[in-house]
């Protein structure tokens, strides 16, 4: 068997293992978390057993993985990933996400090399580099999409949540009782975040600090407006129900205006996507359908920086397309 085929198969196997470890770790971490919680609760009452059974081994591995994750989260890079995973509500640890990320970076280029047996153009070094860049970009793009979708869902429920709290206050409930009603009556992600506030307060954290922690996790401007009003009311007094009604009205109007703006700018946003992705799609189609047509870009004599002139032109064109795409996005991104 050719050494190249062996190398491709080995790299593909490594990529699959990395992705599988990241995905499987997210399901196994639930058991590990329960074991850690149980061990922490029993630690002061009895010494842990020193046996070597499967539960002890699983607990030891879980503790080692937890220590490794704490080391990653202590760094700025790991802390940012952990914060984004929490905002996206992904049950992944930093090490598991990094394993998936590394698997994508290695796996997509190797997959292109494997498919190049059928489509030789995909074995081009430029295609392999592009595949590695896509593998680097794809997990982060997926994470940001999940984070944005969760934030959008939270903001869409927030106005009704504030109205529910205001009505509960008028009915004579305390603020914590109103929050508990939100947890019971609402749907995720609102119920999840407010439920965490209740748990933190029950564990002894000041109420204002629990609200600040929720704002830090969600990163919603509307939620920050609500928590600021609540904090001010706790300090100076006032009718909190009326204040919350005013905030709910403001949020609903903001959502309505954002919807109108999104409708009016739909054509411009679509034009930006077409301008940005049509040349890339056309180039990919030509790579597969007519490789000889694209070979002229890569088989010319080396020029500047030792690269063919076609490669340099592709980089310049891609950079200018990216700048144009970002400019169009900034133009249609109107703050409300």
C-alpha atoms as a PDB file:
ATOM      1  CA  UNK A   1       0.000   0.000   0.000  1.00  0.00           C
ATOM      2  CA  UNK A   2       1.246   3.466  -0.832  1.00  0.00           C
ATOM      3  CA  UNK A   3       2.723   5.449   2.098  1.00  0.00           C
ATOM      4  CA  UNK A   4       0.568   8.407   1.077  1.00  0.00           C
ATOM      5  CA  UNK A   5      -2.599   6.330   1.447  1.00  0.00           C
ATOM      6  CA  UNK A   6      -1.423   5.067   4.839  1.00  0.00           C
ATOM      7  CA  UNK A   7      -0.701   8.632   5.996  1.00  0.00           C
ATOM      8  CA  UNK A   8      -4.110   9.851   4.829  1.00  0.00           C
ATOM      9  CA  UNK A   9      -5.884   6.961   6.545  1.00  0.00           C
ATOM     10  CA  UNK A  10      -3.951   7.557   9.763  1.00  0.00           C
ATOM     11  CA  UNK A  11      -4.674  11.279   9.815  1.00  0.00           C
ATOM     12  CA  UNK A  12      -8.356  10.656   9.086  1.00  0.00           C
ATOM     13  CA  UNK A  13      -8.513   8.139  11.927  1.00  0.00           C
ATOM     14  CA  UNK A  14      -6.934  10.664  14.306  1.00  0.00           C
ATOM     15  CA  UNK A  15      -9.464  13.316  13.260  1.00  0.00           C
ATOM     16  CA  UNK A  16     -12.395  10.927  13.781  1.00  0.00           C
ATOM     17  CA  UNK A  17     -11.061   9.933  17.203  1.00  0.00           C
ATOM     18  CA  UNK A  18     -10.678  13.576  18.265  1.00  0.00           C
ATOM     19  CA  UNK A  19     -14.216  14.452  17.210  1.00  0.00           C
ATOM     20  CA  UNK A  20     -15.616  11.294  18.828  1.00  0.00           C
ATOM     21  CA  UNK A  21     -13.792  12.040  22.078  1.00  0.00           C
ATOM     22  CA  UNK A  22     -15.207  15.552  22.136  1.00  0.00           C
ATOM     23  CA  UNK A  23     -18.780  14.404  21.486  1.00  0.00           C
ATOM     24  CA  UNK A  24     -18.652  11.381  23.786  1.00  0.00           C
ATOM     25  CA  UNK A  25     -17.071  13.429  26.547  1.00  0.00           C
ATOM     26  CA  UNK A  26     -20.074  15.732  26.641  1.00  0.00           C
ATOM     27  CA  UNK A  27     -22.404  12.822  27.459  1.00  0.00           C
ATOM     28  CA  UNK A  28     -20.009  11.235  29.915  1.00  0.00           C
ATOM     29  CA  UNK A  29     -19.477  14.484  31.765  1.00  0.00           C
ATOM     30  CA  UNK A  30     -23.018  14.256  33.200  1.00  0.00           C
ATOM     31  CA  UNK A  31     -22.125  11.079  35.080  1.00  0.00           C
ATOM     32  CA  UNK A  32     -18.826  12.570  36.177  1.00  0.00           C
ATOM     33  CA  UNK A  33     -20.534  15.685  37.474  1.00  0.00           C
ATOM     34  CA  UNK A  34     -22.986  13.632  39.525  1.00  0.00           C
ATOM     35  CA  UNK A  35     -20.166  11.565  40.990  1.00  0.00           C
ATOM     36  CA  UNK A  36     -18.202  14.693  41.862  1.00  0.00           C
ATOM     37  CA  UNK A  37     -21.269  16.229  43.523  1.00  0.00           C
ATOM     38  CA  UNK A  38     -21.927  13.051  45.493  1.00  0.00           C
ATOM     39  CA  UNK A  39     -18.296  12.737  46.553  1.00  0.00           C
ATOM     40  CA  UNK A  40     -18.197  16.385  47.627  1.00  0.00           C
ATOM     41  CA  UNK A  41     -21.315  15.920  49.735  1.00  0.00           C
ATOM     42  CA  UNK A  42     -19.974  12.806  51.450  1.00  0.00           C
ATOM     43  CA  UNK A  43     -16.410  13.999  51.912  1.00  0.00           C
ATOM     44  CA  UNK A  44     -16.905  15.461  55.390  1.00  0.00           C
ATOM     45  CA  UNK A  45     -18.907  12.483  56.672  1.00  0.00           C
ATOM     46  CA  UNK A  46     -16.669   9.620  55.620  1.00  0.00           C
ATOM     47  CA  UNK A  47     -13.431   8.925  53.895  1.00  0.00           C
ATOM     48  CA  UNK A  48     -13.792   7.819  50.280  1.00  0.00           C
ATOM     49  CA  UNK A  49     -13.325   4.159  49.542  1.00  0.00           C
ATOM     50  CA  UNK A  50      -9.916   3.159  48.295  1.00  0.00           C
ATOM     51  CA  UNK A  51     -11.165   0.383  46.058  1.00  0.00           C
ATOM     52  CA  UNK A  52     -10.385   0.054  42.395  1.00  0.00           C
ATOM     53  CA  UNK A  53     -13.882  -0.626  41.137  1.00  0.00           C
ATOM     54  CA  UNK A  54     -15.384   0.909  38.004  1.00  0.00           C
ATOM     55  CA  UNK A  55     -17.014   3.741  39.968  1.00  0.00           C
ATOM     56  CA  UNK A  56     -13.704   4.671  41.603  1.00  0.00           C
ATOM     57  CA  UNK A  57     -11.905   4.590  38.264  1.00  0.00           C
ATOM     58  CA  UNK A  58     -14.598   6.711  36.630  1.00  0.00           C
ATOM     59  CA  UNK A  59     -14.436   9.195  39.497  1.00  0.00           C
ATOM     60  CA  UNK A  60     -10.637   9.370  39.243  1.00  0.00           C
ATOM     61  CA  UNK A  61     -10.798  10.012  35.499  1.00  0.00           C
ATOM     62  CA  UNK A  62     -13.509  12.605  36.031  1.00  0.00           C
ATOM     63  CA  UNK A  63     -11.423  14.403  38.658  1.00  0.00           C
ATOM     64  CA  UNK A  64      -8.355  14.362  36.393  1.00  0.00           C
ATOM     65  CA  UNK A  65     -10.384  15.745  33.493  1.00  0.00           C
ATOM     66  CA  UNK A  66     -11.886  18.403  35.761  1.00  0.00           C
ATOM     67  CA  UNK A  67      -8.399  19.474  36.871  1.00  0.00           C
ATOM     68  CA  UNK A  68      -7.271  19.625  33.233  1.00  0.00           C
ATOM     69  CA  UNK A  69     -10.295  21.743  32.296  1.00  0.00           C
ATOM     70  CA  UNK A  70      -9.667  24.097  35.199  1.00  0.00           C
ATOM     71  CA  UNK A  71      -6.132  24.581  33.918  1.00  0.00           C
ATOM     72  CA  UNK A  72      -7.468  25.423  30.462  1.00  0.00           C
ATOM     73  CA  UNK A  73     -10.116  27.794  31.810  1.00  0.00           C
ATOM     74  CA  UNK A  74      -7.482  29.602  33.862  1.00  0.00           C
ATOM     75  CA  UNK A  75      -6.029  30.907  30.591  1.00  0.00           C
ATOM     76  CA  UNK A  76      -7.719  33.724  28.705  1.00  0.00           C
ATOM     77  CA  UNK A  77      -8.245  31.581  25.603  1.00  0.00           C
ATOM     78  CA  UNK A  78      -9.891  28.769  27.566  1.00  0.00           C
ATOM     79  CA  UNK A  79     -11.938  31.192  29.661  1.00  0.00           C
ATOM     80  CA  UNK A  80     -13.369  32.804  26.516  1.00  0.00           C
ATOM     81  CA  UNK A  81     -14.312  29.400  25.088  1.00  0.00           C
ATOM     82  CA  UNK A  82     -15.914  28.328  28.380  1.00  0.00           C
ATOM     83  CA  UNK A  83     -17.936  31.544  28.474  1.00  0.00           C
ATOM     84  CA  UNK A  84     -19.113  31.079  24.882  1.00  0.00           C
ATOM     85  CA  UNK A  85     -20.057  27.439  25.545  1.00  0.00           C
ATOM     86  CA  UNK A  86     -22.147  28.550  28.514  1.00  0.00           C
ATOM     87  CA  UNK A  87     -23.863  31.257  26.462  1.00  0.00           C
ATOM     88  CA  UNK A  88     -24.623  28.732  23.724  1.00  0.00           C
ATOM     89  CA  UNK A  89     -25.934  26.253  26.352  1.00  0.00           C
ATOM     90  CA  UNK A  90     -23.654  23.511  25.037  1.00  0.00           C
ATOM     91  CA  UNK A  91     -22.881  20.705  27.482  1.00  0.00           C
ATOM     92  CA  UNK A  92     -19.238  20.643  26.436  1.00  0.00           C
ATOM     93  CA  UNK A  93     -16.085  21.291  28.379  1.00  0.00           C
ATOM     94  CA  UNK A  94     -13.237  23.334  26.967  1.00  0.00           C
ATOM     95  CA  UNK A  95     -11.083  20.263  26.327  1.00  0.00           C
ATOM     96  CA  UNK A  96     -13.945  18.530  24.497  1.00  0.00           C
ATOM     97  CA  UNK A  97     -14.585  21.523  22.256  1.00  0.00           C
ATOM     98  CA  UNK A  98     -10.856  21.818  21.515  1.00  0.00           C
ATOM     99  CA  UNK A  99     -10.792  18.118  20.570  1.00  0.00           C
ATOM    100  CA  UNK A 100     -13.655  18.673  18.114  1.00  0.00           C
ATOM    101  CA  UNK A 101     -11.898  21.778  16.792  1.00  0.00           C
ATOM    102  CA  UNK A 102      -8.622  19.923  16.230  1.00  0.00           C
ATOM    103  CA  UNK A 103     -10.478  17.045  14.598  1.00  0.00           C
ATOM    104  CA  UNK A 104     -12.143  19.427  12.141  1.00  0.00           C
ATOM    105  CA  UNK A 105      -8.845  21.140  11.292  1.00  0.00           C
ATOM    106  CA  UNK A 106      -7.181  17.796  10.563  1.00  0.00           C
ATOM    107  CA  UNK A 107     -10.182  15.894   9.243  1.00  0.00           C
ATOM    108  CA  UNK A 108     -11.423  18.183   6.464  1.00  0.00           C
ATOM    109  CA  UNK A 109      -8.055  18.410   4.608  1.00  0.00           C
ATOM    110  CA  UNK A 110      -7.562  14.652   4.980  1.00  0.00           C
ATOM    111  CA  UNK A 111     -11.074  14.053   3.675  1.00  0.00           C
ATOM    112  CA  UNK A 112     -10.284  16.232   0.657  1.00  0.00           C
ATOM    113  CA  UNK A 113      -7.130  14.212   0.017  1.00  0.00           C
ATOM    114  CA  UNK A 114      -9.130  10.989   0.240  1.00  0.00           C
ATOM    115  CA  UNK A 115     -11.791  12.282  -2.168  1.00  0.00           C
ATOM    116  CA  UNK A 116      -9.045  13.496  -4.535  1.00  0.00           C
ATOM    117  CA  UNK A 117      -8.798   9.890  -5.763  1.00  0.00           C
ATOM    118  CA  UNK A 118     -12.122  10.542  -7.512  1.00  0.00           C
ATOM    119  CA  UNK A 119     -11.727  14.304  -8.064  1.00  0.00           C
ATOM    120  CA  UNK A 120      -7.993  14.995  -8.542  1.00  0.00           C
ATOM    121  CA  UNK A 121      -8.471  18.763  -8.265  1.00  0.00           C
ATOM    122  CA  UNK A 122      -9.301  18.390  -4.552  1.00  0.00           C
ATOM    123  CA  UNK A 123      -5.772  17.142  -3.925  1.00  0.00           C
ATOM    124  CA  UNK A 124      -4.369  20.525  -4.909  1.00  0.00           C
ATOM    125  CA  UNK A 125      -2.321  22.071  -2.052  1.00  0.00           C
ATOM    126  CA  UNK A 126      -4.449  25.205  -2.216  1.00  0.00           C
ATOM    127  CA  UNK A 127      -7.616  23.129  -1.760  1.00  0.00           C
ATOM    128  CA  UNK A 128      -6.023  21.376   1.221  1.00  0.00           C
ATOM    129  CA  UNK A 129      -5.090  24.719   2.811  1.00  0.00           C
ATOM    130  CA  UNK A 130      -8.615  26.018   2.215  1.00  0.00           C
ATOM    131  CA  UNK A 131      -9.969  22.843   3.813  1.00  0.00           C
ATOM    132  CA  UNK A 132      -7.808  23.428   6.891  1.00  0.00           C
ATOM    133  CA  UNK A 133      -9.058  27.015   7.116  1.00  0.00           C
ATOM    134  CA  UNK A 134     -12.649  25.807   6.824  1.00  0.00           C
ATOM    135  CA  UNK A 135     -11.970  23.278   9.581  1.00  0.00           C
ATOM    136  CA  UNK A 136     -10.585  26.069  11.744  1.00  0.00           C
ATOM    137  CA  UNK A 137     -13.588  28.314  11.052  1.00  0.00           C
ATOM    138  CA  UNK A 138     -16.464  25.812  11.123  1.00  0.00           C
ATOM    139  CA  UNK A 139     -16.595  24.874  14.866  1.00  0.00           C
ATOM    140  CA  UNK A 140     -16.326  28.501  15.905  1.00  0.00           C
ATOM    141  CA  UNK A 141     -19.030  29.462  13.402  1.00  0.00           C
ATOM    142  CA  UNK A 142     -21.280  26.727  14.782  1.00  0.00           C
ATOM    143  CA  UNK A 143     -20.640  27.929  18.344  1.00  0.00           C
ATOM    144  CA  UNK A 144     -21.418  31.544  17.450  1.00  0.00           C
ATOM    145  CA  UNK A 145     -24.607  30.497  15.647  1.00  0.00           C
ATOM    146  CA  UNK A 146     -25.777  28.551  18.693  1.00  0.00           C
ATOM    147  CA  UNK A 147     -24.925  31.474  20.941  1.00  0.00           C
ATOM    148  CA  UNK A 148     -26.760  33.956  18.713  1.00  0.00           C
ATOM    149  CA  UNK A 149     -29.827  31.715  18.406  1.00  0.00           C
ATOM    150  CA  UNK A 150     -30.049  31.317  22.180  1.00  0.00           C
ATOM    151  CA  UNK A 151     -29.666  35.064  22.739  1.00  0.00           C
ATOM    152  CA  UNK A 152     -32.377  35.759  20.166  1.00  0.00           C
ATOM    153  CA  UNK A 153     -34.714  33.270  21.853  1.00  0.00           C
ATOM    154  CA  UNK A 154     -33.997  34.824  25.251  1.00  0.00           C
ATOM    155  CA  UNK A 155     -34.696  38.356  24.031  1.00  0.00           C
ATOM    156  CA  UNK A 156     -37.922  37.268  22.331  1.00  0.00           C
ATOM    157  CA  UNK A 157     -39.238  35.866  25.647  1.00  0.00           C
ATOM    158  CA  UNK A 158     -37.940  38.620  27.909  1.00  0.00           C
ATOM    159  CA  UNK A 159     -40.779  41.138  27.444  1.00  0.00           C
ATOM    160  CA  UNK A 160     -43.435  38.568  28.379  1.00  0.00           C
ATOM    161  CA  UNK A 161     -41.272  37.458  31.296  1.00  0.00           C
ATOM    162  CA  UNK A 162     -41.043  41.012  32.642  1.00  0.00           C
ATOM    163  CA  UNK A 163     -44.815  41.420  32.299  1.00  0.00           C
ATOM    164  CA  UNK A 164     -45.310  38.184  34.231  1.00  0.00           C
ATOM    165  CA  UNK A 165     -43.049  39.440  37.026  1.00  0.00           C
ATOM    166  CA  UNK A 166     -44.895  42.780  37.166  1.00  0.00           C
ATOM    167  CA  UNK A 167     -48.293  41.061  37.395  1.00  0.00           C
ATOM    168  CA  UNK A 168     -47.018  38.765  40.142  1.00  0.00           C
ATOM    169  CA  UNK A 169     -45.783  41.775  42.113  1.00  0.00           C
ATOM    170  CA  UNK A 170     -49.196  43.449  41.799  1.00  0.00           C
ATOM    171  CA  UNK A 171     -50.795  40.249  43.092  1.00  0.00           C
ATOM    172  CA  UNK A 172     -48.778  40.552  46.299  1.00  0.00           C
ATOM    173  CA  UNK A 173     -45.905  38.161  45.601  1.00  0.00           C
ATOM    174  CA  UNK A 174     -42.353  38.989  46.565  1.00  0.00           C
ATOM    175  CA  UNK A 175     -39.765  39.423  43.850  1.00  0.00           C
ATOM    176  CA  UNK A 176     -38.218  35.993  44.494  1.00  0.00           C
ATOM    177  CA  UNK A 177     -41.671  34.404  44.342  1.00  0.00           C
ATOM    178  CA  UNK A 178     -42.250  36.168  41.026  1.00  0.00           C
ATOM    179  CA  UNK A 179     -38.945  34.798  39.713  1.00  0.00           C
ATOM    180  CA  UNK A 180     -39.937  31.294  40.844  1.00  0.00           C
ATOM    181  CA  UNK A 181     -43.185  31.730  38.904  1.00  0.00           C
ATOM    182  CA  UNK A 182     -41.143  32.663  35.827  1.00  0.00           C
ATOM    183  CA  UNK A 183     -39.105  29.473  36.231  1.00  0.00           C
ATOM    184  CA  UNK A 184     -42.290  27.380  36.418  1.00  0.00           C
ATOM    185  CA  UNK A 185     -44.282  29.084  33.662  1.00  0.00           C
ATOM    186  CA  UNK A 186     -41.616  30.039  31.107  1.00  0.00           C
ATOM    187  CA  UNK A 187     -39.625  27.992  28.620  1.00  0.00           C
ATOM    188  CA  UNK A 188     -35.856  27.718  28.116  1.00  0.00           C
ATOM    189  CA  UNK A 189     -33.639  29.658  27.902  1.00  0.00           C
ATOM    190  CA  UNK A 190     -35.475  32.147  30.180  1.00  0.00           C
ATOM    191  CA  UNK A 191     -36.515  29.493  32.701  1.00  0.00           C
ATOM    192  CA  UNK A 192     -32.982  28.063  32.746  1.00  0.00           C
ATOM    193  CA  UNK A 193     -31.276  31.373  33.461  1.00  0.00           C
ATOM    194  CA  UNK A 194     -33.765  32.581  36.078  1.00  0.00           C
ATOM    195  CA  UNK A 195     -33.688  29.153  37.700  1.00  0.00           C
ATOM    196  CA  UNK A 196     -29.955  29.531  38.096  1.00  0.00           C
ATOM    197  CA  UNK A 197     -30.546  32.901  39.778  1.00  0.00           C
ATOM    198  CA  UNK A 198     -32.860  31.210  42.299  1.00  0.00           C
ATOM    199  CA  UNK A 199     -30.287  28.494  43.020  1.00  0.00           C
ATOM    200  CA  UNK A 200     -27.512  31.034  43.554  1.00  0.00           C
ATOM    201  CA  UNK A 201     -29.692  33.047  45.948  1.00  0.00           C
ATOM    202  CA  UNK A 202     -30.615  29.887  47.867  1.00  0.00           C
ATOM    203  CA  UNK A 203     -26.901  29.125  48.220  1.00  0.00           C
ATOM    204  CA  UNK A 204     -26.366  32.493  49.915  1.00  0.00           C
ATOM    205  CA  UNK A 205     -25.304  34.751  47.046  1.00  0.00           C
ATOM    206  CA  UNK A 206     -26.708  38.309  47.233  1.00  0.00           C
ATOM    207  CA  UNK A 207     -29.637  38.838  44.900  1.00  0.00           C
ATOM    208  CA  UNK A 208     -27.972  41.721  43.037  1.00  0.00           C
ATOM    209  CA  UNK A 209     -24.863  39.607  42.456  1.00  0.00           C
ATOM    210  CA  UNK A 210     -26.959  36.727  41.109  1.00  0.00           C
ATOM    211  CA  UNK A 211     -28.604  39.116  38.634  1.00  0.00           C
ATOM    212  CA  UNK A 212     -25.201  40.466  37.582  1.00  0.00           C
ATOM    213  CA  UNK A 213     -23.995  36.917  36.985  1.00  0.00           C
ATOM    214  CA  UNK A 214     -27.002  36.281  34.738  1.00  0.00           C
ATOM    215  CA  UNK A 215     -26.303  39.462  32.756  1.00  0.00           C
ATOM    216  CA  UNK A 216     -22.676  38.385  32.365  1.00  0.00           C
ATOM    217  CA  UNK A 217     -23.725  34.959  31.090  1.00  0.00           C
ATOM    218  CA  UNK A 218     -26.448  36.088  28.674  1.00  0.00           C
ATOM    219  CA  UNK A 219     -24.965  39.405  27.435  1.00  0.00           C
ATOM    220  CA  UNK A 220     -28.388  40.878  26.583  1.00  0.00           C
ATOM    221  CA  UNK A 221     -28.836  44.647  26.499  1.00  0.00           C
ATOM    222  CA  UNK A 222     -32.528  44.284  27.339  1.00  0.00           C
ATOM    223  CA  UNK A 223     -31.754  42.102  30.348  1.00  0.00           C
ATOM    224  CA  UNK A 224     -29.127  44.580  31.511  1.00  0.00           C
ATOM    225  CA  UNK A 225     -31.766  47.337  31.343  1.00  0.00           C
ATOM    226  CA  UNK A 226     -34.085  45.253  33.507  1.00  0.00           C
ATOM    227  CA  UNK A 227     -31.469  44.358  36.129  1.00  0.00           C
ATOM    228  CA  UNK A 228     -30.267  47.971  36.341  1.00  0.00           C
ATOM    229  CA  UNK A 229     -33.813  49.166  37.018  1.00  0.00           C
ATOM    230  CA  UNK A 230     -34.291  46.486  39.686  1.00  0.00           C
ATOM    231  CA  UNK A 231     -31.018  47.389  41.410  1.00  0.00           C
ATOM    232  CA  UNK A 232     -31.916  51.097  41.450  1.00  0.00           C
ATOM    233  CA  UNK A 233     -35.389  50.334  42.813  1.00  0.00           C
ATOM    234  CA  UNK A 234     -33.897  48.250  45.616  1.00  0.00           C
ATOM    235  CA  UNK A 235     -31.685  51.198  46.589  1.00  0.00           C
ATOM    236  CA  UNK A 236     -34.081  54.159  46.302  1.00  0.00           C
ATOM    237  CA  UNK A 237     -37.513  52.497  46.342  1.00  0.00           C
ATOM    238  CA  UNK A 238     -40.463  53.035  44.015  1.00  0.00           C
ATOM    239  CA  UNK A 239     -43.201  51.081  42.271  1.00  0.00           C
ATOM    240  CA  UNK A 240     -41.279  48.203  40.707  1.00  0.00           C
ATOM    241  CA  UNK A 241     -44.319  46.871  38.829  1.00  0.00           C
ATOM    242  CA  UNK A 242     -44.761  50.150  36.925  1.00  0.00           C
ATOM    243  CA  UNK A 243     -41.051  50.315  36.189  1.00  0.00           C
ATOM    244  CA  UNK A 244     -41.105  46.782  34.779  1.00  0.00           C
ATOM    245  CA  UNK A 245     -44.160  47.603  32.651  1.00  0.00           C
ATOM    246  CA  UNK A 246     -42.289  50.543  31.124  1.00  0.00           C
ATOM    247  CA  UNK A 247     -39.268  48.344  30.423  1.00  0.00           C
ATOM    248  CA  UNK A 248     -41.454  45.647  28.836  1.00  0.00           C
ATOM    249  CA  UNK A 249     -43.075  48.259  26.569  1.00  0.00           C
ATOM    250  CA  UNK A 250     -39.629  49.579  25.567  1.00  0.00           C
ATOM    251  CA  UNK A 251     -38.376  46.078  24.765  1.00  0.00           C
ATOM    252  CA  UNK A 252     -41.449  45.255  22.670  1.00  0.00           C
ATOM    253  CA  UNK A 253     -41.049  48.460  20.673  1.00  0.00           C
ATOM    254  CA  UNK A 254     -37.367  47.718  20.148  1.00  0.00           C
ATOM    255  CA  UNK A 255     -38.165  44.212  18.907  1.00  0.00           C
ATOM    256  CA  UNK A 256     -40.825  45.617  16.553  1.00  0.00           C
ATOM    257  CA  UNK A 257     -38.457  48.222  15.112  1.00  0.00           C
ATOM    258  CA  UNK A 258     -35.705  45.625  14.678  1.00  0.00           C
ATOM    259  CA  UNK A 259     -38.135  43.418  12.771  1.00  0.00           C
ATOM    260  CA  UNK A 260     -39.097  46.273  10.459  1.00  0.00           C
ATOM    261  CA  UNK A 261     -35.451  47.144   9.832  1.00  0.00           C
ATOM    262  CA  UNK A 262     -34.633  43.507   9.108  1.00  0.00           C
ATOM    263  CA  UNK A 263     -37.475  43.346   6.595  1.00  0.00           C
ATOM    264  CA  UNK A 264     -36.432  46.571   4.853  1.00  0.00           C
ATOM    265  CA  UNK A 265     -32.776  45.510   4.606  1.00  0.00           C
ATOM    266  CA  UNK A 266     -33.437  41.895   3.522  1.00  0.00           C
ATOM    267  CA  UNK A 267     -32.534  42.599  -0.115  1.00  0.00           C
ATOM    268  CA  UNK A 268     -29.258  44.288   0.799  1.00  0.00           C
ATOM    269  CA  UNK A 269     -28.274  41.462   3.135  1.00  0.00           C
ATOM    270  CA  UNK A 270     -29.054  38.892   0.466  1.00  0.00           C
ATOM    271  CA  UNK A 271     -26.950  40.878  -2.015  1.00  0.00           C
ATOM    272  CA  UNK A 272     -24.063  40.747   0.434  1.00  0.00           C
ATOM    273  CA  UNK A 273     -24.295  36.960   0.725  1.00  0.00           C
ATOM    274  CA  UNK A 274     -24.500  36.560  -3.054  1.00  0.00           C
ATOM    275  CA  UNK A 275     -21.513  38.853  -3.643  1.00  0.00           C
ATOM    276  CA  UNK A 276     -19.541  37.033  -0.965  1.00  0.00           C
ATOM    277  CA  UNK A 277     -20.270  33.393  -1.766  1.00  0.00           C
ATOM    278  CA  UNK A 278     -21.063  33.241  -5.488  1.00  0.00           C
ATOM    279  CA  UNK A 279     -17.392  33.473  -6.611  1.00  0.00           C
ATOM    280  CA  UNK A 280     -16.400  30.840  -4.052  1.00  0.00           C
ATOM    281  CA  UNK A 281     -19.145  28.492  -5.191  1.00  0.00           C
ATOM    282  CA  UNK A 282     -18.288  29.052  -8.854  1.00  0.00           C
ATOM    283  CA  UNK A 283     -14.606  28.352  -8.207  1.00  0.00           C
ATOM    284  CA  UNK A 284     -15.476  25.154  -6.325  1.00  0.00           C
ATOM    285  CA  UNK A 285     -17.714  24.007  -9.177  1.00  0.00           C
ATOM    286  CA  UNK A 286     -14.950  24.632 -11.723  1.00  0.00           C
ATOM    287  CA  UNK A 287     -12.459  22.744  -9.546  1.00  0.00           C
ATOM    288  CA  UNK A 288     -14.682  19.674  -9.784  1.00  0.00           C
ATOM    289  CA  UNK A 289     -16.229  20.031 -13.243  1.00  0.00           C
ATOM    290  CA  UNK A 290     -13.259  21.424 -15.209  1.00  0.00           C
ATOM    291  CA  UNK A 291      -9.975  21.031 -13.292  1.00  0.00           C
ATOM    292  CA  UNK A 292      -7.892  21.904 -16.343  1.00  0.00           C
ATOM    293  CA  UNK A 293      -9.596  25.289 -16.513  1.00  0.00           C
ATOM    294  CA  UNK A 294      -8.414  26.125 -12.980  1.00  0.00           C
ATOM    295  CA  UNK A 295      -4.952  24.606 -13.365  1.00  0.00           C
ATOM    296  CA  UNK A 296      -3.827  27.717 -15.227  1.00  0.00           C
ATOM    297  CA  UNK A 297      -4.028  29.612 -11.945  1.00  0.00           C
ATOM    298  CA  UNK A 298      -1.678  27.242 -10.141  1.00  0.00           C
ATOM    299  CA  UNK A 299       0.702  25.899 -12.783  1.00  0.00           C
ATOM    300  CA  UNK A 300       2.202  29.197 -13.919  1.00  0.00           C
ATOM    301  CA  UNK A 301       5.884  29.846 -13.175  1.00  0.00           C
ATOM    302  CA  UNK A 302       6.480  31.113  -9.613  1.00  0.00           C
ATOM    303  CA  UNK A 303       6.288  34.853  -9.215  1.00  0.00           C
ATOM    304  CA  UNK A 304       6.110  37.037  -6.128  1.00  0.00           C
ATOM    305  CA  UNK A 305       6.906  35.174  -2.864  1.00  0.00           C
ATOM    306  CA  UNK A 306       7.521  32.032  -4.919  1.00  0.00           C
ATOM    307  CA  UNK A 307       3.800  31.634  -5.664  1.00  0.00           C
ATOM    308  CA  UNK A 308       2.154  31.452  -9.096  1.00  0.00           C
ATOM    309  CA  UNK A 309       0.508  34.651 -10.252  1.00  0.00           C
ATOM    310  CA  UNK A 310      -2.915  32.985 -10.168  1.00  0.00           C
ATOM    311  CA  UNK A 311      -2.593  32.148  -6.476  1.00  0.00           C
ATOM    312  CA  UNK A 312      -1.615  35.740  -5.672  1.00  0.00           C
ATOM    313  CA  UNK A 313      -4.604  37.024  -7.638  1.00  0.00           C
ATOM    314  CA  UNK A 314      -6.890  34.622  -5.773  1.00  0.00           C
ATOM    315  CA  UNK A 315      -5.637  35.872  -2.412  1.00  0.00           C
ATOM    316  CA  UNK A 316      -6.079  39.514  -3.445  1.00  0.00           C
ATOM    317  CA  UNK A 317      -9.557  38.865  -4.843  1.00  0.00           C
ATOM    318  CA  UNK A 318     -10.590  36.891  -1.758  1.00  0.00           C
ATOM    319  CA  UNK A 319      -9.364  39.645   0.548  1.00  0.00           C
ATOM    320  CA  UNK A 320     -11.260  42.323  -1.394  1.00  0.00           C
ATOM    321  CA  UNK A 321     -14.418  40.173  -1.406  1.00  0.00           C
ATOM    322  CA  UNK A 322     -14.146  39.749   2.359  1.00  0.00           C
ATOM    323  CA  UNK A 323     -13.772  43.515   2.850  1.00  0.00           C
ATOM    324  CA  UNK A 324     -16.793  44.180   0.630  1.00  0.00           C
ATOM    325  CA  UNK A 325     -18.872  41.574   2.459  1.00  0.00           C
ATOM    326  CA  UNK A 326     -18.020  43.096   5.847  1.00  0.00           C
ATOM    327  CA  UNK A 327     -18.797  46.624   4.603  1.00  0.00           C
ATOM    328  CA  UNK A 328     -22.237  45.526   3.380  1.00  0.00           C
ATOM    329  CA  UNK A 329     -22.927  43.855   6.727  1.00  0.00           C
ATOM    330  CA  UNK A 330     -21.926  46.974   8.637  1.00  0.00           C
ATOM    331  CA  UNK A 331     -24.152  49.148   6.446  1.00  0.00           C
ATOM    332  CA  UNK A 332     -27.274  47.031   7.019  1.00  0.00           C
ATOM    333  CA  UNK A 333     -26.529  46.410  10.729  1.00  0.00           C
ATOM    334  CA  UNK A 334     -28.523  49.290  12.210  1.00  0.00           C
ATOM    335  CA  UNK A 335     -28.444  49.675  15.979  1.00  0.00           C
ATOM    336  CA  UNK A 336     -31.769  50.284  17.739  1.00  0.00           C
END
